[in-house]
Protein backbone atom coordinates (compact mmCIF):
# COMPACT_ATOMS: atom_id res chain seq x y z
CA UNK A 1 0.00 0.00 0.00
CA UNK A 2 2.84 2.39 0.83
CA UNK A 3 4.44 1.63 -2.55
CA UNK A 4 1.19 2.36 -4.40
CA UNK A 5 0.79 5.69 -2.61
CA UNK A 6 4.39 6.62 -3.36
CA UNK A 7 3.96 5.86 -7.09
CA UNK A 8 0.68 7.79 -7.23
CA UNK A 9 2.30 10.78 -5.58
CA UNK A 10 5.16 10.70 -8.08
CA UNK A 11 2.74 10.62 -11.01
CA UNK A 12 0.80 13.57 -9.60
CA UNK A 13 4.01 15.52 -9.15
CA UNK A 14 5.12 14.81 -12.73
CA UNK A 15 1.72 15.79 -14.13
CA UNK A 16 1.87 19.27 -12.62
CA UNK A 17 4.87 20.87 -14.27
CA UNK A 18 4.33 24.61 -13.79
CA UNK A 19 3.19 27.20 -11.28
CA UNK A 20 1.14 30.38 -11.74
CA UNK A 21 3.74 32.69 -10.23
CA UNK A 22 1.72 35.90 -10.64
CA UNK A 23 -1.99 36.45 -11.26
CA UNK A 24 -3.50 39.90 -11.82
CA UNK A 25 -7.18 40.38 -12.58
CA UNK A 26 -9.57 37.63 -13.66
CA UNK A 27 -7.85 34.45 -14.82
CA UNK A 28 -9.86 31.22 -15.09
CA UNK A 29 -8.78 27.57 -15.39
CA UNK A 30 -10.98 25.09 -17.26
CA UNK A 31 -11.64 22.09 -15.02
CA UNK A 32 -14.16 19.40 -15.86
CA UNK A 33 -17.06 21.24 -17.46
CA UNK A 34 -16.48 24.77 -16.19
CA UNK A 35 -13.98 27.57 -15.65
CA UNK A 36 -12.80 28.32 -12.10
CA UNK A 37 -10.82 31.33 -10.80
CA UNK A 38 -7.12 30.73 -10.11
CA UNK A 39 -4.71 32.22 -7.57
CA UNK A 40 -0.98 32.89 -7.57
CA UNK A 41 0.92 29.81 -6.42
CA UNK A 42 -1.49 27.32 -8.04
CA UNK A 43 0.14 24.39 -9.87
CA UNK A 44 -0.93 23.54 -13.43
CA UNK A 45 -0.21 20.79 -15.96
CA UNK A 46 0.39 20.40 -19.68
CA UNK A 47 -2.99 20.51 -21.42
CA UNK A 48 -4.61 22.78 -18.84
CA UNK A 49 -6.47 25.70 -20.45
CA UNK A 50 -6.41 29.24 -19.07
CA UNK A 51 -8.90 31.97 -19.96
CA UNK A 52 -7.29 35.37 -19.37
CA UNK A 53 -9.88 38.15 -19.25
CA UNK A 54 -9.42 41.64 -20.67
CA UNK A 55 -7.08 43.63 -18.43
CA UNK A 56 -5.79 40.51 -16.64
CA UNK A 57 -2.28 39.08 -16.60
CA UNK A 58 -0.70 35.77 -15.58
CA UNK A 59 2.94 34.66 -15.30
CA UNK A 60 3.61 30.92 -15.68
CA UNK A 61 6.93 29.43 -14.56
CA UNK A 62 7.69 25.86 -15.65
CA UNK A 63 9.76 23.50 -13.54
CA UNK A 64 12.25 23.49 -16.42
CA UNK A 65 12.97 27.15 -15.66
CA UNK A 66 11.19 28.53 -18.72
CA UNK A 67 8.65 31.27 -18.01
CA UNK A 68 6.04 33.20 -19.98
CA UNK A 69 3.67 36.07 -19.18
CA UNK A 70 0.32 36.51 -20.94
CA UNK A 71 -1.93 39.54 -20.89
CA UNK A 72 -5.67 39.31 -21.66
CA UNK A 73 -7.80 38.75 -23.47
CA UNK A 74 -6.97 35.28 -24.75
CA UNK A 75 -7.27 31.57 -24.09
CA UNK A 76 -4.01 29.60 -23.86
CA UNK A 77 -3.07 25.97 -23.33
CA UNK A 78 -0.21 25.05 -20.99
CA UNK A 79 2.52 23.30 -23.00
CA UNK A 80 6.11 23.16 -21.75
CA UNK A 81 7.45 22.13 -25.20
CA UNK A 82 6.22 25.41 -26.71
CA UNK A 83 7.44 27.69 -23.90
CA UNK A 84 8.00 30.64 -24.09
CA UNK A 85 6.02 31.16 -27.34
CA UNK A 86 2.78 29.34 -26.55
CA UNK A 87 -0.06 30.01 -28.95
CA UNK A 88 -2.89 32.36 -28.16
CA UNK A 89 -5.93 30.27 -29.10
CA UNK A 90 -8.57 32.96 -28.86
CA UNK A 91 -8.17 36.65 -29.52
CA UNK A 92 -11.45 38.52 -29.06
CA UNK A 93 -11.73 41.82 -30.90
CA UNK A 94 -14.55 43.36 -28.89
CA UNK A 95 -16.61 40.27 -29.66
CA UNK A 96 -15.98 40.48 -33.37
CA UNK A 97 -13.52 37.66 -33.87
CA UNK A 98 -12.45 34.47 -32.20
CA UNK A 99 -12.07 30.75 -32.44
CA UNK A 100 -14.67 28.04 -32.26
CA UNK A 101 -17.74 28.07 -30.08
CA UNK A 102 -15.96 26.20 -27.30
CA UNK A 103 -13.25 28.86 -27.17
CA UNK A 104 -15.54 31.89 -26.91
CA UNK A 105 -18.08 30.91 -24.31
CA UNK A 106 -20.37 32.98 -22.12
CA UNK A 107 -18.98 32.46 -18.60
CA UNK A 108 -20.60 33.03 -15.19
CA UNK A 109 -17.45 34.42 -13.59
CA UNK A 110 -18.63 35.46 -10.09
CA UNK A 111 -21.54 34.66 -7.76
CA UNK A 112 -22.71 36.07 -4.43
CA UNK A 113 -25.93 34.99 -2.75
CA UNK A 114 -28.40 32.75 -4.57
CA UNK A 115 -28.13 32.36 -8.35
CA UNK A 116 -30.14 29.83 -10.37
CA UNK A 117 -29.95 28.94 -14.06
CA UNK A 118 -33.08 27.87 -15.93
CA UNK A 119 -32.40 25.80 -19.05
CA UNK A 120 -34.85 23.63 -20.98
CA UNK A 121 -37.54 24.50 -18.43
CA UNK A 122 -35.56 23.32 -15.39
CA UNK A 123 -33.67 25.27 -12.71
CA UNK A 124 -30.27 24.27 -11.34
CA UNK A 125 -27.92 25.96 -8.89
CA UNK A 126 -25.39 28.09 -10.74
CA UNK A 127 -21.66 27.57 -10.27
CA UNK A 128 -18.81 30.01 -10.72
CA UNK A 129 -17.09 29.31 -14.02
CA UNK A 130 -20.18 27.68 -15.52
CA UNK A 131 -20.66 28.03 -19.27
CA UNK A 132 -23.98 29.71 -20.07
CA UNK A 133 -25.95 29.53 -23.31
CA UNK A 134 -27.95 32.03 -25.31
CA UNK A 135 -31.54 31.86 -24.00
CA UNK A 136 -30.66 30.68 -20.48
CA UNK A 137 -32.61 32.40 -17.70
CA UNK A 138 -30.58 33.67 -14.74
CA UNK A 139 -32.52 34.09 -11.47
CA UNK A 140 -30.42 36.31 -9.22
CA UNK A 141 -30.97 37.03 -5.53
CA UNK A 142 -27.64 38.65 -4.71
CA UNK A 143 -25.02 39.25 -7.39
CA UNK A 144 -23.83 37.59 -10.58
CA UNK A 145 -21.15 38.65 -13.07
CA UNK A 146 -21.32 37.28 -16.61
CA UNK A 147 -18.53 37.59 -19.19
CA UNK A 148 -19.86 37.53 -22.75
CA UNK A 149 -17.27 35.79 -24.95
CA UNK A 150 -14.49 38.01 -23.67
CA UNK A 151 -16.08 41.07 -25.29
CA UNK A 152 -17.66 42.60 -22.17
CA UNK A 153 -18.87 41.76 -18.66
CA UNK A 154 -22.18 42.57 -17.01
CA UNK A 155 -22.96 42.58 -13.28
CA UNK A 156 -26.54 41.80 -12.19
CA UNK A 157 -27.37 42.73 -8.58
CA UNK A 158 -30.44 42.49 -6.37
CA UNK A 159 -33.45 40.26 -6.99
CA UNK A 160 -34.04 39.96 -10.72
CA UNK A 161 -34.38 37.57 -13.62
CA UNK A 162 -32.06 38.03 -16.60
CA UNK A 163 -32.20 36.40 -20.02
CA UNK A 164 -28.75 35.52 -21.33
CA UNK A 165 -28.34 37.11 -24.74
CA UNK A 166 -25.26 36.47 -26.88
CA UNK A 167 -25.78 39.92 -28.43
CA UNK A 168 -25.32 41.79 -25.14
CA UNK A 169 -22.03 43.43 -26.14
CA UNK A 170 -21.58 46.17 -28.74
CA UNK A 171 -20.20 45.09 -32.12
CA UNK A 172 -19.83 48.47 -33.86
CA UNK A 173 -19.47 52.21 -33.30
CA UNK A 174 -20.79 55.29 -35.10
CA UNK A 175 -18.18 57.43 -36.83
CA UNK A 176 -18.19 60.42 -39.17
CA UNK A 177 -21.71 61.53 -38.25
CA UNK A 178 -22.76 64.43 -40.46
CA UNK A 179 -26.22 65.89 -40.16
CA UNK A 180 -28.90 64.12 -38.13
CA UNK A 181 -28.62 60.38 -37.47
CA UNK A 182 -31.16 58.35 -35.46
CA UNK A 183 -30.61 55.02 -33.71
CA UNK A 184 -33.19 52.51 -32.47
CA UNK A 185 -31.64 50.18 -29.88
CA UNK A 186 -35.01 48.68 -28.95
CA UNK A 187 -36.78 51.71 -27.50
CA UNK A 188 -37.55 53.72 -30.62
CA UNK A 189 -35.41 56.03 -32.73
CA UNK A 190 -33.36 58.60 -30.81
CA UNK A 191 -30.79 61.19 -32.01
CA UNK A 192 -27.29 59.70 -31.97
CA UNK A 193 -23.81 61.17 -31.91
CA UNK A 194 -20.39 60.01 -33.06
CA UNK A 195 -18.86 57.43 -30.72
CA UNK A 196 -22.12 55.64 -29.89
CA UNK A 197 -21.54 51.89 -29.59
CA UNK A 198 -24.08 49.63 -31.29
CA UNK A 199 -25.28 46.09 -30.61
CA UNK A 200 -26.37 43.52 -33.15
CA UNK A 201 -29.91 44.22 -34.34
CA UNK A 202 -29.88 47.96 -33.68
CA UNK A 203 -31.23 50.15 -36.50
CA UNK A 204 -29.62 53.31 -37.82
CA UNK A 205 -31.76 55.81 -39.75
CA UNK A 206 -29.90 58.21 -42.04
CA UNK A 207 -32.18 61.09 -43.14
CA UNK A 208 -31.76 63.03 -46.36
CA UNK A 209 -28.48 65.00 -46.64
CA UNK A 210 -27.03 63.09 -43.68
CA UNK A 211 -24.01 60.80 -43.63
CA UNK A 212 -22.69 58.18 -41.21
CA UNK A 213 -19.85 55.69 -41.06
CA UNK A 214 -20.36 52.45 -39.12
CA UNK A 215 -17.12 50.83 -37.96
CA UNK A 216 -17.47 47.19 -36.88
CA UNK A 217 -15.04 45.78 -34.33
CA UNK A 218 -14.23 42.92 -36.75
CA UNK A 219 -12.52 45.42 -39.04
CA UNK A 220 -15.33 46.10 -41.49
CA UNK A 221 -16.48 49.66 -42.24
CA UNK A 222 -19.69 50.88 -43.88
CA UNK A 223 -20.55 54.41 -45.01
CA UNK A 224 -24.15 55.47 -45.70
CA UNK A 225 -25.79 58.58 -47.10
CA UNK A 226 -29.52 59.32 -46.63
CA UNK A 227 -32.23 58.29 -47.16
CA UNK A 228 -31.60 54.85 -45.57
CA UNK A 229 -32.37 52.68 -42.55
CA UNK A 230 -29.57 50.23 -41.80
CA UNK A 231 -29.62 47.16 -39.53
CA UNK A 232 -26.47 46.46 -37.49
CA UNK A 233 -25.20 43.04 -38.55
CA UNK A 234 -21.49 42.26 -38.82
CA UNK A 235 -22.13 39.20 -41.00
CA UNK A 236 -23.68 41.36 -43.72
CA UNK A 237 -20.92 43.97 -43.76
CA UNK A 238 -18.39 43.44 -46.58
CA UNK A 239 -14.95 42.90 -45.08
CA UNK A 240 -12.81 45.62 -46.63
CA UNK A 241 -9.97 46.26 -44.18
CA UNK A 242 -7.72 44.70 -41.59
CA UNK A 243 -9.10 44.65 -38.06
CA UNK A 244 -7.98 47.67 -35.99
CA UNK A 245 -5.21 46.24 -33.85
CA UNK A 246 -5.86 48.86 -31.17
CA UNK A 247 -9.15 47.11 -30.34
CA UNK A 248 -7.62 43.64 -30.16
CA UNK A 249 -5.06 41.66 -28.24
CA UNK A 250 -2.37 40.67 -30.80
CA UNK A 251 -2.11 36.96 -31.53
CA UNK A 252 1.36 35.43 -31.28
CA UNK A 253 1.61 31.96 -32.81
CA UNK A 254 4.88 30.01 -32.60
CA UNK A 255 7.77 32.25 -33.68
CA UNK A 256 5.62 35.00 -35.18
CA UNK A 257 5.82 38.55 -33.90
CA UNK A 258 3.36 41.32 -33.17
CA UNK A 259 4.24 42.80 -36.56
CA UNK A 260 2.80 39.86 -38.48
CA UNK A 261 -0.15 40.66 -40.67
CA UNK A 262 -3.45 40.13 -38.87
CA UNK A 263 -6.55 39.98 -41.04
CA UNK A 264 -10.02 38.80 -40.25
CA UNK A 265 -12.10 36.71 -42.63
CA UNK A 266 -15.65 36.17 -41.44
CA UNK A 267 -15.32 35.32 -37.77
CA UNK A 268 -11.90 33.64 -38.10
CA UNK A 269 -8.36 34.91 -37.73
CA UNK A 270 -5.86 34.56 -40.57
CA UNK A 271 -2.21 35.26 -39.79
CA UNK A 272 0.55 35.68 -42.34
CA UNK A 273 4.23 36.55 -41.78
CA UNK A 274 5.84 39.30 -43.83
CA UNK A 275 9.14 37.75 -45.06
CA UNK A 276 12.31 39.59 -44.01
CA UNK A 277 10.53 42.24 -41.95
CA UNK A 278 12.60 43.29 -38.93
CA UNK A 279 11.65 46.95 -38.47
CA UNK A 280 9.09 47.86 -35.76
CA UNK A 281 6.80 49.84 -38.07
CA UNK A 282 3.28 48.49 -38.51
CA UNK A 283 2.74 46.37 -41.65
CA UNK A 284 0.71 47.73 -44.56
CA UNK A 285 -2.95 46.66 -44.66
CA UNK A 286 -3.63 43.53 -46.71
CA UNK A 287 -5.49 43.66 -49.99
CA UNK A 288 -9.13 42.66 -49.60
CA UNK A 289 -10.19 39.51 -51.42
């Protein structure tokens, strides 16, 4: 029995090959079927997946001596063989771009008091780190914080019932507003000014002799002159430019650098290296297909 315990302990020690030396902000570790908050000093293993929220930072030190620091927002897999250039798996651009559905989930990040989730007509007790789905009903008697695919977080306090909506976060912003422009975000058309952020499904009315530019966070821009009423929908906007890097966390894959070309096609990320480029100036925008 002592021998068995000794072997098991050795296996457990070998499996955990790194420590989270520093943790700032919200960093979650996927365990089982949900994400759970982590703390500095926690041991992790190859294959563990970390979700680093916007504004957060984590430093991982491997037992081999290699170390790497990631800043949000991204999802990364622990892999000692790839240290220190581990791939960023998910790079949200204000909700406009990312990986597969499993990589850009809606996460219940914090709970205080009583929080229930109603799905398929049945309630269950909510858990911190639980993945929520569009259409879930959240019954809150206390406090709940929900992160929507890394694009934004919402805090619901008090006694209320909230419907989880995947379109909660803005996906575009008004720019170059000339003349009068009206926006209906669900409560009727109201005058709008430059800088207003827009959610999916909002409507923009451009009267005669007015002009507006709609800049989507996935890199697409639209310009409209009156008379028109436009629905906000990133999927219907023709992709004509590279995504604005200032709105995104740069993706570093393998030995690529932050000066690699980053373009967005649909909801995916396409990276291409510029051969022989060593200077720190930003690359020219790619030619649209």
